[in-house]
Amino acid sequence: MSQICETRKNIVTNNPEENNKAIEIRCLGAPEFDSVDKAYKVAEPFGEVLFIKLEDRDNKVCKVVFKNFEHAQNMFEKLNSDPKSSYKVEYSLEPLSTKLRNCVFSFWNFELDPVLPAHALFVQNLDDRINCDNIFGLFCVYGIVDKIKIVKNGVQVQMADQKGAERVKKYFNGLSLLGRAMSIRTLDGIFVKKDEPPQISRGGHLPLEIYNSSSESWRSQIADQPPRKELYFYNTPKSLTESDIRDLFKKANIPDPVQVDVLYNDHYRNSKGIVKMNSIEDAVQAIAFRNNSFETLGNNPEIRFIFKLTFYKD
């Protein structure tokens, strides 16, 4: 990590005249930076983007690092001189040495930064109902998922490291999801490339998703064990009931669990529990469609949570 931080420090300087490649963009109104994709679309026309970080939770500020100083200078001059611009651009005056997990959301262009290794997988024989979020929910059980892109004949998945990619391939290759055996192999390169745009949107979802699953809000309990029928859920409200769990599964067309045990304890901030499915295939489907999903409790929209689901570990 020290090497990564040092690399980021070398990217920026405290003096804009010393070839500073980092700039800060502030929204003066709509549209806001509610996703990294929007920030990228604003920055990308001015040059090759190395890093994007959303700075605040009000979606008003983002930080961008370009590959070249000229790209940052170009954006600074053009957006600030345009009277119709919705953005104010300043040079960033602090090194980007913050660890990735402390970001609201972040994106590294791994193809330009070899310090951060990644490993890509190619997944085929998926049902048309499977989208990027389903793959993310499933694969992050075994490692950190950085990027997912849907192409004509399959799905490309970029894992953050080789171990995660190996676990996904070892445990999911040949396993059935929605009645179809997944075929998973390693891509020739270690990155999901952006040289050709994603081509297919599944179920109305974006065909390209970039995730920061090392963020606390997305982090799953990474396992190194084969899939099983028993599942472990956590990060749920204390008032959650067995009926609520069954309803969550029913809404996603997941087969009804054989058994649901909600574990309560006065010392727990949240509830957690164990779900037993009828088969491993049903368990895999449950994780794909419910892990890391945003949920509300029953008919109460004020109780919102991110439902976490993984394979149970003895």
C-alpha atoms as a PDB file:
ATOM      1  CA  MET A   1       0.000   0.000   0.000  1.00  0.00           C
ATOM      2  CA  SER A   2       2.897   2.368   0.708  1.00  0.00           C
ATOM      3  CA  GLN A   3       4.032   2.010  -2.891  1.00  0.00           C
ATOM      4  CA  ILE A   4       0.532   2.860  -4.119  1.00  0.00           C
ATOM      5  CA  CYS A   5       0.316   5.927  -1.879  1.00  0.00           C
ATOM      6  CA  GLU A   6       3.745   7.092  -2.998  1.00  0.00           C
ATOM      7  CA  THR A   7       2.672   6.753  -6.620  1.00  0.00           C
ATOM      8  CA  ARG A   8      -0.343   8.957  -5.990  1.00  0.00           C
ATOM      9  CA  LYS A   9       1.798  11.593  -4.283  1.00  0.00           C
ATOM     10  CA  ASN A  10       3.990  11.776  -7.356  1.00  0.00           C
ATOM     11  CA  ILE A  11       0.965  12.445  -9.556  1.00  0.00           C
ATOM     12  CA  VAL A  12       0.124  15.853  -8.044  1.00  0.00           C
ATOM     13  CA  THR A  13       1.982  18.869  -6.742  1.00  0.00           C
ATOM     14  CA  ASN A  14       0.972  21.814  -4.596  1.00  0.00           C
ATOM     15  CA  ASN A  15       1.798  24.253  -7.390  1.00  0.00           C
ATOM     16  CA  PRO A  16      -0.356  24.326 -10.543  1.00  0.00           C
ATOM     17  CA  GLU A  17       2.638  25.611 -12.457  1.00  0.00           C
ATOM     18  CA  GLU A  18       4.607  22.450 -11.635  1.00  0.00           C
ATOM     19  CA  ASN A  19       2.653  20.272 -14.041  1.00  0.00           C
ATOM     20  CA  ASN A  20      -0.182  19.481 -11.652  1.00  0.00           C
ATOM     21  CA  LYS A  21      -2.352  16.735 -13.175  1.00  0.00           C
ATOM     22  CA  ALA A  22      -5.030  16.792 -10.447  1.00  0.00           C
ATOM     23  CA  ILE A  23      -8.015  19.089 -10.472  1.00  0.00           C
ATOM     24  CA  GLU A  24     -11.112  19.546  -8.355  1.00  0.00           C
ATOM     25  CA  ILE A  25     -14.495  20.029 -10.014  1.00  0.00           C
ATOM     26  CA  ARG A  26     -17.354  21.640  -8.103  1.00  0.00           C
ATOM     27  CA  CYS A  27     -20.954  21.593  -9.331  1.00  0.00           C
ATOM     28  CA  LEU A  28     -22.642  24.997  -9.300  1.00  0.00           C
ATOM     29  CA  GLY A  29     -26.031  23.348  -9.792  1.00  0.00           C
ATOM     30  CA  ALA A  30     -27.502  20.401 -11.644  1.00  0.00           C
ATOM     31  CA  PRO A  31     -26.329  17.948 -12.897  1.00  0.00           C
ATOM     32  CA  GLU A  32     -24.636  16.607  -9.773  1.00  0.00           C
ATOM     33  CA  PHE A  33     -22.004  13.871  -9.425  1.00  0.00           C
ATOM     34  CA  ASP A  34     -24.289  11.157  -8.072  1.00  0.00           C
ATOM     35  CA  SER A  35     -22.171   8.511  -9.797  1.00  0.00           C
ATOM     36  CA  VAL A  36     -18.599   8.151 -10.974  1.00  0.00           C
ATOM     37  CA  ASP A  37     -19.933   7.688 -14.521  1.00  0.00           C
ATOM     38  CA  LYS A  38     -21.208  11.281 -14.587  1.00  0.00           C
ATOM     39  CA  ALA A  39     -17.890  12.622 -13.350  1.00  0.00           C
ATOM     40  CA  TYR A  40     -16.070  10.564 -15.956  1.00  0.00           C
ATOM     41  CA  LYS A  41     -18.281  11.885 -18.770  1.00  0.00           C
ATOM     42  CA  VAL A  42     -17.427  15.466 -17.758  1.00  0.00           C
ATOM     43  CA  ALA A  43     -13.668  14.824 -17.580  1.00  0.00           C
ATOM     44  CA  GLU A  44     -13.044  12.299 -20.374  1.00  0.00           C
ATOM     45  CA  PRO A  45     -13.460  14.741 -23.344  1.00  0.00           C
ATOM     46  CA  PHE A  46     -10.450  16.709 -22.091  1.00  0.00           C
ATOM     47  CA  GLY A  47      -7.988  13.808 -21.938  1.00  0.00           C
ATOM     48  CA  GLU A  48      -7.050  10.410 -20.530  1.00  0.00           C
ATOM     49  CA  VAL A  49      -8.396   9.994 -16.980  1.00  0.00           C
ATOM     50  CA  LEU A  50      -6.275   8.161 -14.422  1.00  0.00           C
ATOM     51  CA  PHE A  51      -8.344   8.485 -11.263  1.00  0.00           C
ATOM     52  CA  ILE A  52     -11.716   9.837 -10.115  1.00  0.00           C
ATOM     53  CA  LYS A  53     -12.830  10.323  -6.534  1.00  0.00           C
ATOM     54  CA  LEU A  54     -16.198  11.642  -5.353  1.00  0.00           C
ATOM     55  CA  GLU A  55     -15.299  13.958  -2.511  1.00  0.00           C
ATOM     56  CA  ASP A  56     -18.532  14.579  -0.616  1.00  0.00           C
ATOM     57  CA  ARG A  57     -21.868  12.886  -0.064  1.00  0.00           C
ATOM     58  CA  ASP A  58     -23.797  15.874  -1.420  1.00  0.00           C
ATOM     59  CA  ASN A  59     -22.564  14.943  -4.901  1.00  0.00           C
ATOM     60  CA  LYS A  60     -21.157  18.427  -5.468  1.00  0.00           C
ATOM     61  CA  VAL A  61     -17.392  17.836  -5.617  1.00  0.00           C
ATOM     62  CA  CYS A  62     -15.160  15.334  -7.371  1.00  0.00           C
ATOM     63  CA  LYS A  63     -11.408  15.058  -7.864  1.00  0.00           C
ATOM     64  CA  VAL A  64      -9.908  14.015 -11.192  1.00  0.00           C
ATOM     65  CA  VAL A  65      -6.341  13.032 -12.048  1.00  0.00           C
ATOM     66  CA  PHE A  66      -5.359  13.132 -15.718  1.00  0.00           C
ATOM     67  CA  LYS A  67      -2.511  11.251 -17.360  1.00  0.00           C
ATOM     68  CA  ASN A  68      -0.972  14.488 -18.639  1.00  0.00           C
ATOM     69  CA  PHE A  69      -0.742  18.003 -17.220  1.00  0.00           C
ATOM     70  CA  GLU A  70      -1.965  19.464 -20.520  1.00  0.00           C
ATOM     71  CA  HIS A  71      -5.290  17.620 -20.137  1.00  0.00           C
ATOM     72  CA  ALA A  72      -5.884  19.110 -16.685  1.00  0.00           C
ATOM     73  CA  GLN A  73      -4.896  22.559 -17.938  1.00  0.00           C
ATOM     74  CA  ASN A  74      -7.251  22.217 -20.913  1.00  0.00           C
ATOM     75  CA  MET A  75     -10.204  21.386 -18.656  1.00  0.00           C
ATOM     76  CA  PHE A  76      -9.316  24.155 -16.198  1.00  0.00           C
ATOM     77  CA  GLU A  77      -9.212  26.814 -18.902  1.00  0.00           C
ATOM     78  CA  LYS A  78     -12.216  25.744 -20.985  1.00  0.00           C
ATOM     79  CA  LEU A  79     -14.747  25.074 -18.218  1.00  0.00           C
ATOM     80  CA  ASN A  80     -13.834  28.160 -16.205  1.00  0.00           C
ATOM     81  CA  SER A  81     -13.971  30.437 -19.267  1.00  0.00           C
ATOM     82  CA  ASP A  82     -17.352  29.142 -20.438  1.00  0.00           C
ATOM     83  CA  PRO A  83     -20.141  31.382 -19.024  1.00  0.00           C
ATOM     84  CA  LYS A  84     -22.650  28.559 -19.529  1.00  0.00           C
ATOM     85  CA  SER A  85     -20.584  26.002 -17.628  1.00  0.00           C
ATOM     86  CA  SER A  86     -22.223  24.313 -14.621  1.00  0.00           C
ATOM     87  CA  TYR A  87     -18.829  23.613 -13.043  1.00  0.00           C
ATOM     88  CA  LYS A  88     -16.056  25.495 -11.281  1.00  0.00           C
ATOM     89  CA  VAL A  89     -12.613  23.906 -11.726  1.00  0.00           C
ATOM     90  CA  GLU A  90      -9.604  24.362  -9.437  1.00  0.00           C
ATOM     91  CA  TYR A  91      -6.251  22.648  -9.192  1.00  0.00           C
ATOM     92  CA  SER A  92      -6.110  20.149  -6.347  1.00  0.00           C
ATOM     93  CA  LEU A  93      -3.736  21.308  -3.638  1.00  0.00           C
ATOM     94  CA  GLU A  94      -3.315  18.027  -1.764  1.00  0.00           C
ATOM     95  CA  PRO A  95      -1.772  14.703  -2.801  1.00  0.00           C
ATOM     96  CA  LEU A  96      -4.225  11.861  -3.408  1.00  0.00           C
ATOM     97  CA  SER A  97      -2.710   9.614  -0.773  1.00  0.00           C
ATOM     98  CA  THR A  98      -6.027   8.628   0.846  1.00  0.00           C
ATOM     99  CA  LYS A  99      -6.608   4.881   0.818  1.00  0.00           C
ATOM    100  CA  LEU A 100      -9.178   3.674  -1.647  1.00  0.00           C
ATOM    101  CA  ARG A 101     -11.549   2.351   1.028  1.00  0.00           C
ATOM    102  CA  ASN A 102     -11.991   5.840   2.489  1.00  0.00           C
ATOM    103  CA  CYS A 103     -13.471   7.175  -0.751  1.00  0.00           C
ATOM    104  CA  VAL A 104     -17.194   7.636  -1.279  1.00  0.00           C
ATOM    105  CA  PHE A 105     -16.618   6.049  -4.673  1.00  0.00           C
ATOM    106  CA  SER A 106     -13.486   5.823  -6.754  1.00  0.00           C
ATOM    107  CA  PHE A 107     -12.114   4.575 -10.026  1.00  0.00           C
ATOM    108  CA  TRP A 108      -8.555   3.817 -11.120  1.00  0.00           C
ATOM    109  CA  ASN A 109      -7.714   3.338 -14.764  1.00  0.00           C
ATOM    110  CA  PHE A 110      -5.775   0.126 -14.156  1.00  0.00           C
ATOM    111  CA  GLU A 111      -4.524   0.038 -17.735  1.00  0.00           C
ATOM    112  CA  LEU A 112      -2.495   3.174 -17.000  1.00  0.00           C
ATOM    113  CA  ASP A 113      -1.414   2.296 -13.461  1.00  0.00           C
ATOM    114  CA  PRO A 114       0.453  -1.022 -13.234  1.00  0.00           C
ATOM    115  CA  VAL A 115       1.031  -0.513  -9.498  1.00  0.00           C
ATOM    116  CA  LEU A 116      -2.523  -1.726  -8.876  1.00  0.00           C
ATOM    117  CA  PRO A 117      -2.796  -5.250 -10.313  1.00  0.00           C
ATOM    118  CA  ALA A 118      -6.072  -6.725 -11.488  1.00  0.00           C
ATOM    119  CA  HIS A 119      -7.175  -9.960 -13.101  1.00  0.00           C
ATOM    120  CA  ALA A 120     -10.010 -10.436 -15.549  1.00  0.00           C
ATOM    121  CA  LEU A 121     -12.400 -13.329 -16.137  1.00  0.00           C
ATOM    122  CA  PHE A 122     -14.723 -14.123 -19.020  1.00  0.00           C
ATOM    123  CA  VAL A 123     -18.104 -15.594 -18.067  1.00  0.00           C
ATOM    124  CA  GLN A 124     -20.371 -17.321 -20.596  1.00  0.00           C
ATOM    125  CA  ASN A 125     -23.619 -19.305 -20.754  1.00  0.00           C
ATOM    126  CA  LEU A 126     -25.556 -16.885 -18.567  1.00  0.00           C
ATOM    127  CA  ASP A 127     -29.308 -16.455 -18.577  1.00  0.00           C
ATOM    128  CA  ASP A 128     -30.448 -13.160 -20.164  1.00  0.00           C
ATOM    129  CA  ARG A 129     -31.893 -12.071 -16.808  1.00  0.00           C
ATOM    130  CA  ILE A 130     -28.401 -11.823 -15.287  1.00  0.00           C
ATOM    131  CA  ASN A 131     -27.020  -8.273 -15.171  1.00  0.00           C
ATOM    132  CA  CYS A 132     -23.867  -6.600 -13.814  1.00  0.00           C
ATOM    133  CA  ASP A 133     -25.242  -6.231 -10.287  1.00  0.00           C
ATOM    134  CA  ASN A 134     -26.087  -9.944 -10.120  1.00  0.00           C
ATOM    135  CA  ILE A 135     -22.545 -10.877 -11.145  1.00  0.00           C
ATOM    136  CA  PHE A 136     -21.134  -8.411  -8.626  1.00  0.00           C
ATOM    137  CA  GLY A 137     -23.291  -9.768  -5.796  1.00  0.00           C
ATOM    138  CA  LEU A 138     -22.183 -13.312  -6.591  1.00  0.00           C
ATOM    139  CA  PHE A 139     -18.491 -12.854  -7.340  1.00  0.00           C
ATOM    140  CA  CYS A 140     -17.701 -10.483  -4.440  1.00  0.00           C
ATOM    141  CA  VAL A 141     -18.308 -13.436  -2.114  1.00  0.00           C
ATOM    142  CA  TYR A 142     -14.878 -14.698  -3.217  1.00  0.00           C
ATOM    143  CA  GLY A 143     -12.986 -11.460  -3.892  1.00  0.00           C
ATOM    144  CA  ILE A 144     -13.071  -7.745  -4.650  1.00  0.00           C
ATOM    145  CA  VAL A 145     -14.809  -6.947  -7.936  1.00  0.00           C
ATOM    146  CA  ASP A 146     -13.658  -3.771  -9.684  1.00  0.00           C
ATOM    147  CA  LYS A 147     -15.310  -3.714 -13.098  1.00  0.00           C
ATOM    148  CA  ILE A 148     -17.935  -5.662 -15.060  1.00  0.00           C
ATOM    149  CA  LYS A 149     -18.666  -5.280 -18.766  1.00  0.00           C
ATOM    150  CA  ILE A 150     -21.293  -7.092 -20.832  1.00  0.00           C
ATOM    151  CA  VAL A 151     -20.221  -7.930 -24.387  1.00  0.00           C
ATOM    152  CA  LYS A 152     -21.843  -9.846 -27.244  1.00  0.00           C
ATOM    153  CA  ASN A 153     -21.007 -13.386 -26.197  1.00  0.00           C
ATOM    154  CA  GLY A 154     -20.543 -13.091 -22.440  1.00  0.00           C
ATOM    155  CA  VAL A 155     -19.532 -10.943 -19.486  1.00  0.00           C
ATOM    156  CA  GLN A 156     -16.049  -9.647 -18.637  1.00  0.00           C
ATOM    157  CA  VAL A 157     -15.269  -9.325 -14.924  1.00  0.00           C
ATOM    158  CA  GLN A 158     -12.215  -7.566 -13.514  1.00  0.00           C
ATOM    159  CA  MET A 159     -11.164  -8.788 -10.069  1.00  0.00           C
ATOM    160  CA  ALA A 160      -8.793  -6.744  -7.911  1.00  0.00           C
ATOM    161  CA  ASP A 161      -6.270  -9.542  -7.471  1.00  0.00           C
ATOM    162  CA  GLN A 162      -5.284 -12.965  -8.702  1.00  0.00           C
ATOM    163  CA  LYS A 163      -6.443 -14.809  -5.576  1.00  0.00           C
ATOM    164  CA  GLY A 164      -9.982 -13.494  -5.940  1.00  0.00           C
ATOM    165  CA  ALA A 165     -10.064 -14.418  -9.626  1.00  0.00           C
ATOM    166  CA  GLU A 166      -8.792 -17.921  -8.839  1.00  0.00           C
ATOM    167  CA  ARG A 167     -11.417 -18.473  -6.142  1.00  0.00           C
ATOM    168  CA  VAL A 168     -14.253 -17.348  -8.429  1.00  0.00           C
ATOM    169  CA  LYS A 169     -13.064 -19.643 -11.221  1.00  0.00           C
ATOM    170  CA  LYS A 170     -12.446 -22.564  -8.850  1.00  0.00           C
ATOM    171  CA  TYR A 171     -15.830 -22.484  -7.122  1.00  0.00           C
ATOM    172  CA  PHE A 172     -18.221 -21.098  -9.778  1.00  0.00           C
ATOM    173  CA  ASN A 173     -16.981 -22.574 -13.055  1.00  0.00           C
ATOM    174  CA  GLY A 174     -19.526 -25.230 -14.102  1.00  0.00           C
ATOM    175  CA  LEU A 175     -21.934 -24.283 -11.307  1.00  0.00           C
ATOM    176  CA  SER A 176     -25.553 -23.731 -12.288  1.00  0.00           C
ATOM    177  CA  LEU A 177     -27.207 -20.302 -12.125  1.00  0.00           C
ATOM    178  CA  LEU A 178     -30.849 -20.103 -13.242  1.00  0.00           C
ATOM    179  CA  GLY A 179     -30.518 -23.552 -14.784  1.00  0.00           C
ATOM    180  CA  ARG A 180     -27.407 -22.809 -16.855  1.00  0.00           C
ATOM    181  CA  ALA A 181     -23.870 -23.975 -16.022  1.00  0.00           C
ATOM    182  CA  MET A 182     -21.532 -20.966 -15.885  1.00  0.00           C
ATOM    183  CA  SER A 183     -18.403 -21.183 -18.025  1.00  0.00           C
ATOM    184  CA  ILE A 184     -15.581 -19.099 -16.524  1.00  0.00           C
ATOM    185  CA  ARG A 185     -12.105 -18.705 -17.947  1.00  0.00           C
ATOM    186  CA  THR A 186      -9.243 -16.248 -17.534  1.00  0.00           C
ATOM    187  CA  LEU A 187      -8.963 -13.487 -20.137  1.00  0.00           C
ATOM    188  CA  ASP A 188      -5.730 -13.171 -22.113  1.00  0.00           C
ATOM    189  CA  GLY A 189      -5.025  -9.823 -20.448  1.00  0.00           C
ATOM    190  CA  ILE A 190      -5.511  -9.021 -16.777  1.00  0.00           C
ATOM    191  CA  PHE A 191      -7.772  -6.026 -17.388  1.00  0.00           C
ATOM    192  CA  VAL A 192     -11.262  -5.418 -18.688  1.00  0.00           C
ATOM    193  CA  LYS A 193     -10.357  -3.029 -21.492  1.00  0.00           C
ATOM    194  CA  LYS A 194     -12.292   0.009 -22.624  1.00  0.00           C
ATOM    195  CA  ASP A 195     -11.077  -0.092 -26.232  1.00  0.00           C
ATOM    196  CA  GLU A 196     -14.485  -1.279 -27.402  1.00  0.00           C
ATOM    197  CA  PRO A 197     -17.731  -0.092 -25.806  1.00  0.00           C
ATOM    198  CA  PRO A 198     -20.057  -2.510 -24.001  1.00  0.00           C
ATOM    199  CA  GLN A 199     -22.676  -3.712 -26.415  1.00  0.00           C
ATOM    200  CA  ILE A 200     -25.637  -5.198 -24.588  1.00  0.00           C
ATOM    201  CA  SER A 201     -27.824  -3.959 -21.746  1.00  0.00           C
ATOM    202  CA  ARG A 202     -29.384  -6.717 -19.658  1.00  0.00           C
ATOM    203  CA  GLY A 203     -32.736  -6.102 -18.010  1.00  0.00           C
ATOM    204  CA  GLY A 204     -32.539  -2.334 -18.454  1.00  0.00           C
ATOM    205  CA  HIS A 205     -29.283  -2.128 -16.497  1.00  0.00           C
ATOM    206  CA  LEU A 206     -26.083  -0.439 -17.621  1.00  0.00           C
ATOM    207  CA  PRO A 207     -23.829  -2.778 -19.621  1.00  0.00           C
ATOM    208  CA  LEU A 208     -20.726  -1.404 -17.874  1.00  0.00           C
ATOM    209  CA  GLU A 209     -20.449  -1.031 -14.103  1.00  0.00           C
ATOM    210  CA  ILE A 210     -17.436   0.093 -12.077  1.00  0.00           C
ATOM    211  CA  TYR A 211     -17.526  -0.878  -8.423  1.00  0.00           C
ATOM    212  CA  ASN A 212     -15.488   0.007  -5.371  1.00  0.00           C
ATOM    213  CA  SER A 213     -16.226  -3.086  -3.328  1.00  0.00           C
ATOM    214  CA  SER A 214     -13.378  -2.304  -0.943  1.00  0.00           C
ATOM    215  CA  SER A 215     -15.607   0.475   0.362  1.00  0.00           C
ATOM    216  CA  GLU A 216     -17.083  -0.340   3.787  1.00  0.00           C
ATOM    217  CA  SER A 217     -20.634  -0.038   2.434  1.00  0.00           C
ATOM    218  CA  TRP A 218     -20.010  -2.760  -0.158  1.00  0.00           C
ATOM    219  CA  ARG A 219     -17.501  -5.038   1.509  1.00  0.00           C
ATOM    220  CA  SER A 220     -18.595  -8.653   1.781  1.00  0.00           C
ATOM    221  CA  GLN A 221     -17.136 -11.352   4.003  1.00  0.00           C
ATOM    222  CA  ILE A 222     -14.784 -13.004   1.515  1.00  0.00           C
ATOM    223  CA  ALA A 223     -14.804 -16.775   1.800  1.00  0.00           C
ATOM    224  CA  ASP A 224     -12.490 -19.542   0.616  1.00  0.00           C
ATOM    225  CA  GLN A 225     -14.781 -22.540   0.721  1.00  0.00           C
ATOM    226  CA  PRO A 226     -17.071 -24.319  -1.774  1.00  0.00           C
ATOM    227  CA  PRO A 227     -20.666 -23.119  -2.229  1.00  0.00           C
ATOM    228  CA  ARG A 228     -23.216 -24.799   0.013  1.00  0.00           C
ATOM    229  CA  LYS A 229     -26.963 -24.797   0.660  1.00  0.00           C
ATOM    230  CA  GLU A 230     -26.642 -22.889   3.931  1.00  0.00           C
ATOM    231  CA  LEU A 231     -26.386 -19.101   3.694  1.00  0.00           C
ATOM    232  CA  TYR A 232     -25.440 -16.434   6.217  1.00  0.00           C
ATOM    233  CA  PHE A 233     -27.131 -13.013   6.136  1.00  0.00           C
ATOM    234  CA  TYR A 234     -26.130  -9.919   8.104  1.00  0.00           C
ATOM    235  CA  ASN A 235     -26.353  -6.102   8.228  1.00  0.00           C
ATOM    236  CA  THR A 236     -30.137  -6.333   8.693  1.00  0.00           C
ATOM    237  CA  PRO A 237     -32.389  -4.367  11.116  1.00  0.00           C
ATOM    238  CA  LYS A 238     -32.980  -5.797  14.584  1.00  0.00           C
ATOM    239  CA  SER A 239     -36.720  -5.876  13.884  1.00  0.00           C
ATOM    240  CA  LEU A 240     -36.275  -8.213  10.888  1.00  0.00           C
ATOM    241  CA  THR A 241     -38.378 -11.382  10.977  1.00  0.00           C
ATOM    242  CA  GLU A 242     -38.379 -14.737   9.190  1.00  0.00           C
ATOM    243  CA  SER A 243     -41.329 -13.521   7.147  1.00  0.00           C
ATOM    244  CA  ASP A 244     -39.318 -10.480   5.964  1.00  0.00           C
ATOM    245  CA  ILE A 245     -36.519 -12.743   4.705  1.00  0.00           C
ATOM    246  CA  ARG A 246     -38.953 -14.962   2.823  1.00  0.00           C
ATOM    247  CA  ASP A 247     -40.583 -11.877   1.276  1.00  0.00           C
ATOM    248  CA  LEU A 248     -37.190 -10.561   0.096  1.00  0.00           C
ATOM    249  CA  PHE A 249     -36.511 -13.843  -1.642  1.00  0.00           C
ATOM    250  CA  LYS A 250     -40.019 -14.059  -3.115  1.00  0.00           C
ATOM    251  CA  LYS A 251     -39.775 -10.578  -4.666  1.00  0.00           C
ATOM    252  CA  ALA A 252     -36.647 -11.690  -6.555  1.00  0.00           C
ATOM    253  CA  ASN A 253     -38.278 -14.967  -7.673  1.00  0.00           C
ATOM    254  CA  ILE A 254     -35.885 -16.973  -5.509  1.00  0.00           C
ATOM    255  CA  PRO A 255     -37.192 -20.383  -4.354  1.00  0.00           C
ATOM    256  CA  ASP A 256     -38.584 -20.341  -0.830  1.00  0.00           C
ATOM    257  CA  PRO A 257     -35.975 -21.305   1.813  1.00  0.00           C
ATOM    258  CA  VAL A 258     -36.294 -24.597   3.636  1.00  0.00           C
ATOM    259  CA  GLN A 259     -35.444 -22.921   6.940  1.00  0.00           C
ATOM    260  CA  VAL A 260     -34.770 -19.372   8.209  1.00  0.00           C
ATOM    261  CA  ASP A 261     -33.194 -18.667  11.597  1.00  0.00           C
ATOM    262  CA  VAL A 262     -32.930 -15.007  12.643  1.00  0.00           C
ATOM    263  CA  LEU A 263     -30.368 -14.500  15.410  1.00  0.00           C
ATOM    264  CA  TYR A 264     -31.097 -11.779  17.928  1.00  0.00           C
ATOM    265  CA  ASN A 265     -28.938 -10.437  20.724  1.00  0.00           C
ATOM    266  CA  ASP A 266     -29.327  -7.300  22.831  1.00  0.00           C
ATOM    267  CA  HIS A 267     -25.651  -6.555  22.238  1.00  0.00           C
ATOM    268  CA  TYR A 268     -26.017  -6.695  18.438  1.00  0.00           C
ATOM    269  CA  ARG A 269     -26.527  -3.439  16.613  1.00  0.00           C
ATOM    270  CA  ASN A 270     -28.247  -5.337  13.801  1.00  0.00           C
ATOM    271  CA  SER A 271     -29.721  -8.764  13.297  1.00  0.00           C
ATOM    272  CA  LYS A 272     -28.164 -11.639  11.381  1.00  0.00           C
ATOM    273  CA  GLY A 273     -29.059 -15.220  10.680  1.00  0.00           C
ATOM    274  CA  ILE A 274     -28.888 -18.434   8.672  1.00  0.00           C
ATOM    275  CA  VAL A 275     -30.951 -19.459   5.654  1.00  0.00           C
ATOM    276  CA  LYS A 276     -31.062 -23.036   4.400  1.00  0.00           C
ATOM    277  CA  MET A 277     -31.971 -23.515   0.738  1.00  0.00           C
ATOM    278  CA  ASN A 278     -33.176 -26.677  -0.970  1.00  0.00           C
ATOM    279  CA  SER A 279     -30.083 -26.895  -3.211  1.00  0.00           C
ATOM    280  CA  ILE A 280     -26.733 -25.248  -3.938  1.00  0.00           C
ATOM    281  CA  GLU A 281     -28.205 -23.880  -7.177  1.00  0.00           C
ATOM    282  CA  ASP A 282     -30.950 -22.116  -5.194  1.00  0.00           C
ATOM    283  CA  ALA A 283     -28.325 -20.741  -2.798  1.00  0.00           C
ATOM    284  CA  VAL A 284     -26.231 -19.363  -5.681  1.00  0.00           C
ATOM    285  CA  GLN A 285     -29.321 -17.719  -7.170  1.00  0.00           C
ATOM    286  CA  ALA A 286     -30.169 -16.132  -3.808  1.00  0.00           C
ATOM    287  CA  ILE A 287     -26.708 -14.587  -3.487  1.00  0.00           C
ATOM    288  CA  ALA A 288     -26.714 -13.335  -7.092  1.00  0.00           C
ATOM    289  CA  PHE A 289     -30.056 -11.564  -6.723  1.00  0.00           C
ATOM    290  CA  ARG A 290     -29.967 -10.442  -3.100  1.00  0.00           C
ATOM    291  CA  ASN A 291     -26.375  -9.913  -1.886  1.00  0.00           C
ATOM    292  CA  ASN A 292     -25.609  -6.184  -1.582  1.00  0.00           C
ATOM    293  CA  SER A 293     -29.143  -5.235  -2.602  1.00  0.00           C
ATOM    294  CA  PHE A 294     -30.714  -2.044  -1.245  1.00  0.00           C
ATOM    295  CA  GLU A 295     -33.830  -2.934   0.728  1.00  0.00           C
ATOM    296  CA  THR A 296     -36.541  -1.458   2.919  1.00  0.00           C
ATOM    297  CA  LEU A 297     -38.136  -3.298   5.815  1.00  0.00           C
ATOM    298  CA  GLY A 298     -41.665  -4.322   4.917  1.00  0.00           C
ATOM    299  CA  ASN A 299     -43.773  -1.275   4.062  1.00  0.00           C
ATOM    300  CA  ASN A 300     -41.622   1.106   6.086  1.00  0.00           C
ATOM    301  CA  PRO A 301     -39.539   3.208   3.648  1.00  0.00           C
ATOM    302  CA  GLU A 302     -37.638   4.826   6.533  1.00  0.00           C
ATOM    303  CA  ILE A 303     -35.870   1.578   7.481  1.00  0.00           C
ATOM    304  CA  ARG A 304     -33.343   1.112   4.680  1.00  0.00           C
ATOM    305  CA  PHE A 305     -30.384  -1.252   4.631  1.00  0.00           C
ATOM    306  CA  ILE A 306     -27.949  -3.109   2.386  1.00  0.00           C
ATOM    307  CA  PHE A 307     -28.737  -6.810   2.587  1.00  0.00           C
ATOM    308  CA  LYS A 308     -25.591  -8.949   2.891  1.00  0.00           C
ATOM    309  CA  LEU A 309     -25.656 -12.623   1.966  1.00  0.00           C
ATOM    310  CA  THR A 310     -22.865 -15.173   1.661  1.00  0.00           C
ATOM    311  CA  PHE A 311     -22.225 -18.894   2.098  1.00  0.00           C
ATOM    312  CA  TYR A 312     -22.423 -20.026   5.709  1.00  0.00           C
ATOM    313  CA  LYS A 313     -19.100 -20.834   7.338  1.00  0.00           C
ATOM    314  CA  ASP A 314     -18.976 -23.388  10.182  1.00  0.00           C
END
